[in-house]
Protein backbone atom coordinates (compact mmCIF):
# COMPACT_ATOMS: atom_id res chain seq x y z
CA MET A 1 0.28 -0.09 -0.10
CA SER A 2 2.82 2.39 0.80
CA GLY A 3 4.06 1.82 -2.96
CA TYR A 4 0.97 2.70 -4.39
CA LEU A 5 0.59 6.09 -2.07
CA SER A 6 4.13 6.83 -3.03
CA ILE A 7 3.65 6.52 -6.74
CA THR A 8 0.27 8.65 -6.15
CA SER A 9 1.97 11.42 -4.58
CA VAL A 10 4.52 11.45 -7.16
CA ALA A 11 1.76 11.49 -9.80
CA LYS A 12 0.13 14.36 -7.81
CA SER A 13 3.45 16.51 -7.45
CA LEU A 14 3.96 16.13 -11.11
CA CYS A 15 0.44 17.55 -11.95
CA ASP A 16 0.96 20.34 -9.53
CA SER A 17 4.35 21.02 -11.46
CA LEU A 18 2.66 21.10 -14.71
CA THR A 19 -0.04 23.31 -13.99
CA LYS A 20 2.42 25.98 -12.28
CA ASN A 21 3.23 26.63 -15.90
CA SER A 22 1.06 29.10 -17.34
CA SER A 23 1.12 27.37 -21.19
CA VAL A 24 0.06 24.25 -19.40
CA ILE A 25 -3.84 23.06 -18.95
CA ILE A 26 -5.11 19.93 -17.14
CA PRO A 27 -9.03 19.45 -17.92
CA ASP A 28 -8.95 16.64 -15.04
CA PRO A 29 -5.80 16.23 -12.93
CA THR A 30 -7.23 13.43 -10.96
CA LEU A 31 -7.72 11.42 -14.43
CA PHE A 32 -4.26 12.54 -15.40
CA CYS A 33 -2.97 11.01 -12.29
CA GLN A 34 -4.55 7.67 -12.83
CA LYS A 35 -3.15 7.71 -16.58
CA TRP A 36 0.37 8.61 -15.62
CA ILE A 37 0.26 6.14 -12.79
CA THR A 38 -0.65 3.37 -15.13
CA LEU A 39 1.61 4.43 -17.83
CA LYS A 40 4.39 4.46 -15.20
CA ARG A 41 3.80 1.05 -14.26
CA ALA A 42 3.74 -0.01 -17.62
CA PHE A 43 7.05 1.80 -18.21
CA PRO A 44 9.05 0.57 -20.52
CA ASP A 45 7.90 -3.03 -21.39
CA LYS A 46 4.17 -2.08 -21.78
CA LEU A 47 4.77 1.39 -23.30
CA GLN A 48 4.57 2.64 -26.82
CA VAL A 49 4.76 6.52 -28.07
CA VAL A 50 2.56 7.65 -30.83
CA SER A 51 3.41 11.16 -32.18
CA ASP A 52 2.27 13.48 -35.12
CA PHE A 53 5.49 15.40 -36.88
CA ASP A 54 4.53 18.55 -38.33
CA LYS A 55 3.79 21.35 -35.53
CA THR A 56 4.37 18.58 -32.86
CA LEU A 57 7.65 17.18 -33.04
CA SER A 58 8.33 20.50 -35.22
CA LYS A 59 7.81 23.96 -34.03
CA TYR A 60 4.95 25.97 -35.31
CA GLN A 61 6.39 29.45 -35.04
CA LEU A 62 9.66 30.73 -35.14
CA LYS A 63 11.64 33.03 -33.05
CA ASN A 64 10.79 36.07 -35.15
CA GLY A 65 6.78 35.37 -35.03
CA ASP A 66 6.90 34.06 -38.70
CA LEU A 67 5.42 30.49 -39.16
CA ALA A 68 7.69 27.61 -39.14
CA TRP A 69 6.88 25.13 -42.26
CA SER A 70 5.68 21.93 -42.56
CA THR A 71 7.35 19.24 -44.55
CA HIS A 72 4.36 20.22 -47.35
CA ASP A 73 5.98 23.64 -47.15
CA VAL A 74 9.36 22.51 -47.52
CA VAL A 75 8.33 20.75 -50.88
CA GLU A 76 6.31 23.69 -52.14
CA GLN A 77 8.89 26.19 -51.45
CA SER A 78 11.37 24.15 -53.10
CA ILE A 79 9.19 23.91 -56.17
CA PHE A 80 8.62 27.80 -56.07
CA GLN A 81 12.53 28.31 -56.47
CA THR A 82 11.88 26.52 -60.28
CA ASP A 83 8.32 26.68 -61.03
CA LYS A 84 6.03 29.40 -59.73
CA GLU A 85 3.41 28.30 -61.76
CA ILE A 86 3.06 24.83 -59.79
CA PHE A 87 3.73 26.86 -56.61
CA ALA A 88 0.34 28.91 -57.46
CA GLN A 89 -1.76 25.89 -57.98
CA PHE A 90 -0.28 24.64 -54.27
CA LYS A 91 -1.56 27.85 -52.94
CA SER A 92 -5.20 27.90 -54.67
CA LEU A 93 -5.52 24.10 -53.65
CA ARG A 94 -4.91 25.51 -49.81
CA GLU A 95 -7.20 28.48 -50.06
CA LYS A 96 -9.78 26.03 -51.33
CA TYR A 97 -9.14 23.12 -48.85
CA TYR A 98 -7.58 24.63 -45.51
CA PRO A 99 -10.95 26.10 -44.41
CA VAL A 100 -12.79 22.65 -44.94
CA GLU A 101 -10.16 20.89 -42.77
CA PHE A 102 -10.84 23.03 -39.85
CA ASP A 103 -14.39 23.78 -40.41
CA PRO A 104 -16.19 23.27 -37.03
CA HIS A 105 -19.24 22.49 -38.34
CA MET A 106 -18.24 19.70 -40.50
CA SER A 107 -17.61 16.09 -39.16
CA ASP A 108 -14.32 14.33 -40.15
CA GLU A 109 -16.11 12.00 -42.47
CA ASP A 110 -17.89 14.76 -44.40
CA LYS A 111 -14.43 16.34 -44.75
CA ILE A 112 -12.51 13.08 -46.09
CA PRO A 113 -13.64 13.62 -49.60
CA SER A 114 -12.27 16.90 -49.65
CA MET A 115 -8.96 15.85 -48.17
CA GLU A 116 -8.47 12.96 -50.37
CA HIS A 117 -8.87 15.29 -53.29
CA TRP A 118 -6.20 18.01 -51.75
CA TRP A 119 -3.45 15.52 -51.12
CA LYS A 120 -4.22 13.58 -54.47
CA SER A 121 -4.01 16.95 -56.23
CA CYS A 122 -0.78 18.16 -54.06
CA HIS A 123 0.80 14.57 -54.78
CA ASP A 124 0.15 15.04 -58.71
CA LEU A 125 1.59 18.51 -58.52
CA ILE A 126 4.85 17.46 -56.95
CA VAL A 127 5.36 14.51 -59.53
CA LYS A 128 4.79 17.02 -62.17
CA SER A 129 7.29 19.27 -60.88
CA LYS A 130 10.35 16.74 -61.55
CA THR A 131 11.31 17.38 -58.11
CA LYS A 132 14.69 15.74 -57.80
CA ALA A 133 15.13 13.94 -54.10
CA SER A 134 18.79 15.11 -53.70
CA SER A 135 17.87 18.77 -54.43
CA LEU A 136 15.22 18.63 -52.00
CA GLU A 137 17.27 17.27 -49.25
CA ALA A 138 19.56 20.15 -49.34
CA PHE A 139 16.80 22.60 -49.63
CA THR A 140 15.20 20.98 -46.44
CA ALA A 141 18.74 21.55 -44.49
CA LYS A 142 18.52 25.40 -44.84
CA SER A 143 14.41 25.23 -44.65
CA LYS A 144 12.13 26.88 -41.83
CA LEU A 145 11.32 23.49 -40.82
CA ILE A 146 12.86 23.33 -37.39
CA LEU A 147 12.47 20.53 -34.79
CA ARG A 148 10.91 21.91 -31.34
CA ARG A 149 13.79 22.42 -28.71
CA GLU A 150 14.69 19.51 -26.68
CA VAL A 151 12.79 17.30 -28.83
CA SER A 152 15.93 14.92 -29.09
CA VAL A 153 16.09 14.36 -25.24
CA PHE A 154 12.89 12.70 -26.21
CA PHE A 155 14.16 10.79 -28.72
CA ASP A 156 16.92 9.47 -26.83
CA ILE A 157 14.69 8.54 -23.61
CA LEU A 158 12.85 6.44 -26.01
CA GLN A 159 15.58 4.75 -27.60
CA ARG A 160 17.45 4.07 -24.47
CA ASN A 161 14.57 2.35 -22.94
CA ARG A 162 13.78 0.57 -26.12
CA ILE A 163 10.25 1.93 -26.29
CA PRO A 164 8.42 2.11 -29.56
CA PHE A 165 7.86 5.41 -31.39
CA ILE A 166 5.48 5.58 -33.89
CA ILE A 167 5.33 8.70 -35.95
CA PHE A 168 2.27 9.46 -37.79
CA SER A 169 2.33 12.22 -40.48
CA ALA A 170 -0.17 13.44 -43.16
CA GLY A 171 3.15 15.42 -44.86
CA ILE A 172 6.23 13.79 -46.69
CA GLY A 173 7.86 10.85 -44.97
CA ASP A 174 11.08 11.59 -47.05
CA VAL A 175 11.28 15.34 -45.71
CA ILE A 176 10.60 13.91 -42.31
CA THR A 177 13.49 11.19 -43.07
CA TYR A 178 15.98 14.15 -44.06
CA VAL A 179 15.52 16.16 -41.03
CA LEU A 180 15.78 13.24 -38.19
CA LYS A 181 19.01 11.96 -40.11
CA ARG A 182 20.53 15.61 -39.91
CA HIS A 183 19.28 16.39 -36.39
CA LEU A 184 19.75 13.02 -34.79
CA LYS A 185 22.40 11.49 -37.26
CA SER A 186 20.20 8.67 -37.99
CA VAL A 187 16.47 7.42 -37.80
CA PRO A 188 16.58 5.29 -34.38
CA GLU A 189 15.69 1.73 -34.93
CA ASN A 190 12.95 1.85 -32.40
CA VAL A 191 11.17 4.62 -34.60
CA HIS A 192 8.50 3.87 -37.24
CA LEU A 193 7.72 6.37 -39.71
CA ILE A 194 4.17 6.10 -41.33
CA SER A 195 3.77 8.82 -43.81
CA ASN A 196 3.45 9.73 -47.51
CA PHE A 197 6.68 8.84 -49.22
CA PHE A 198 8.10 9.43 -52.76
CA GLU A 199 8.59 7.07 -55.64
CA LEU A 200 11.70 7.67 -57.73
CA ASN A 201 12.85 6.91 -60.91
CA ASP A 202 16.19 5.98 -61.85
CA GLU A 203 17.63 9.54 -62.01
CA GLY A 204 16.21 10.01 -58.33
CA ILE A 205 13.30 12.38 -59.74
CA VAL A 206 9.78 11.72 -57.96
CA CYS A 207 7.59 10.14 -60.14
CA GLY A 208 4.86 9.04 -57.90
CA PHE A 209 3.94 8.27 -54.20
CA LYS A 210 3.56 5.18 -52.15
CA GLU A 211 0.31 3.92 -51.19
CA PRO A 212 -1.84 4.38 -49.08
CA MET A 213 -2.02 8.19 -49.27
CA ILE A 214 -2.06 9.25 -45.74
CA HIS A 215 -4.06 12.52 -44.88
CA THR A 216 -5.10 14.41 -42.01
CA PHE A 217 -8.17 12.11 -40.87
CA ASN A 218 -6.97 8.73 -41.52
CA LYS A 219 -3.60 8.85 -39.53
CA ASN A 220 -4.08 5.61 -38.00
CA ALA A 221 -3.24 1.88 -37.95
CA SER A 222 -5.74 1.48 -40.84
CA VAL A 223 -2.91 2.81 -43.16
CA ILE A 224 -0.21 0.34 -41.74
CA VAL A 225 1.04 -1.56 -44.94
CA ASP A 226 2.57 -4.95 -45.60
CA GLU A 227 6.17 -3.84 -44.48
CA GLY A 228 4.60 -2.33 -41.45
CA LYS A 229 3.10 -5.63 -40.23
CA CYS A 230 6.34 -6.81 -38.72
CA PHE A 231 6.50 -3.80 -36.36
CA TYR A 232 2.98 -3.88 -35.62
CA GLU A 233 3.73 -7.56 -34.10
CA LYS A 234 6.12 -6.23 -31.98
CA ILE A 235 4.12 -3.69 -30.28
CA CYS A 236 0.91 -5.21 -30.03
CA ASN A 237 1.46 -6.33 -26.48
CA ARG A 238 2.06 -2.73 -25.90
CA ASP A 239 -1.06 -1.69 -24.28
CA CYS A 240 -0.53 1.84 -22.51
CA VAL A 241 0.07 4.66 -24.82
CA LEU A 242 1.92 8.35 -24.44
CA LEU A 243 0.10 10.08 -27.62
CA ILE A 244 1.61 13.59 -28.60
CA GLY A 245 -0.43 15.53 -31.32
CA ASP A 246 -1.55 19.31 -32.47
CA SER A 247 -4.95 18.81 -33.91
CA LEU A 248 -8.32 17.52 -33.01
CA GLY A 249 -7.83 14.81 -35.45
CA ASP A 250 -4.65 13.56 -33.76
CA VAL A 251 -6.35 12.21 -30.74
CA HIS A 252 -7.51 9.39 -32.82
CA MET A 253 -3.77 8.08 -34.16
CA ASP A 254 -3.77 5.25 -31.71
CA VAL A 255 -6.65 3.93 -33.12
CA GLY A 256 -6.18 0.17 -34.26
CA VAL A 257 -2.56 0.44 -33.27
CA VAL A 258 -3.30 -1.73 -30.14
CA THR A 259 -6.31 -2.37 -27.71
CA GLU A 260 -5.29 0.03 -25.30
CA ARG A 261 -5.47 -0.40 -21.53
CA CYS A 262 -4.42 3.34 -20.92
CA ILE A 263 -4.01 6.34 -23.19
CA LEU A 264 -2.39 9.52 -22.03
CA LYS A 265 -3.11 12.28 -24.74
CA VAL A 266 -0.90 15.38 -24.93
CA GLY A 267 -1.77 18.23 -27.18
CA PHE A 268 -0.14 21.13 -28.52
CA LEU A 269 -2.56 24.11 -29.19
CA ASN A 270 -0.69 26.19 -31.19
CA GLU A 271 -3.06 29.01 -32.16
CA ASN A 272 -6.20 30.46 -31.08
CA CYS A 273 -5.61 29.13 -27.65
CA GLU A 274 -8.70 31.11 -26.34
CA LYS A 275 -11.27 30.08 -28.87
CA LEU A 276 -10.28 26.35 -29.07
CA LYS A 277 -9.28 25.26 -25.48
CA GLN A 278 -12.54 24.17 -24.47
CA ARG A 279 -12.95 21.63 -27.48
CA TYR A 280 -9.35 20.97 -26.69
CA LYS A 281 -10.01 20.15 -23.16
CA SER A 282 -12.62 17.59 -24.02
CA GLU A 283 -10.01 15.71 -25.85
CA TYR A 284 -6.64 16.12 -24.46
CA ASP A 285 -5.18 15.32 -21.05
CA VAL A 286 -2.63 17.98 -21.21
CA ILE A 287 -3.03 21.19 -23.46
CA ILE A 288 0.22 23.01 -24.12
CA CYS A 289 -0.67 26.29 -25.38
CA ASN A 290 1.84 28.50 -27.42
CA ASP A 291 4.85 26.72 -26.28
CA GLN A 292 7.41 26.10 -28.94
CA THR A 293 9.80 23.90 -27.05
CA PHE A 294 9.32 20.07 -26.18
CA ARG A 295 9.76 20.34 -22.25
CA ILE A 296 6.34 19.43 -21.08
CA PRO A 297 6.36 15.87 -23.08
CA ASN A 298 10.15 15.45 -21.70
CA HIS A 299 8.88 16.36 -18.34
CA ILE A 300 5.99 13.71 -18.33
CA LEU A 301 8.22 11.20 -19.73
CA GLN A 302 11.16 11.81 -17.68
CA SER A 303 8.95 11.62 -14.45
CA MET A 304 8.41 7.84 -15.45
CA LEU A 305 12.39 7.36 -14.94
CA HIS A 306 13.08 8.31 -11.39
CA THR A 307 10.27 6.94 -9.48
CA THR A 308 9.34 3.40 -8.11
CA SER A 309 5.65 1.83 -7.69
């Protein structure tokens, strides 16, 4: 019993510490503590981590106030250097479909046809641009796609403890790979990236995209293809999940990954905090407002290292 009380006090202390940060909201502290205790007891052998990439592992905003780039932004800005007509078509598609993606009056199901058309149209334009992978990798290195400060600490803890880390992204998987290799030297063995990947011809030019196409509203295990089945088998007994995202759609990334016993959801609320925080409070256990670092997820994960139940 004393062990249980000890871990309970640690959970409460963590919750109190987090909420002292003005950027953090914990809608239900009791539920947060219960979930943290379950994940702590599952650490590391029964735990897995699921995360989005754009605006979650990467920054939403730069120091000068400019918006940071997403993986799609990197590709589009690269194409802008050589073909402004195709870039203009990207812009037109964004102006048409971006409001649909975030329309609060539409269900996710109703948005899916528009998202599929948007993504397919963008992929077709990338192929049309004859983008060369090597040139894009060089462009990525000097782009405004920046990982959040201290995110490498998170990767390191997971790797050292052999905790599977699934990154779901509706962006461009090749660009994510470029970024991880540049900042982490390589993609860690415990990381499994599920995203939209290029098909290249013999000259290294993008000639298509691998199936299935991944958009905002199908980022879950339904898109794990055959080559991912082996990885899936390795994680199917890990029934506790730490999920990290930045959109309301991200809260469903765990669907089908595992029959979970417990899932603790951490959400970055990058914009319109006052307007959106009530909706985020109904979906996430921890909400992080207007913070470009990865300190809070690190704090939650590191707290599992130093206590015993």
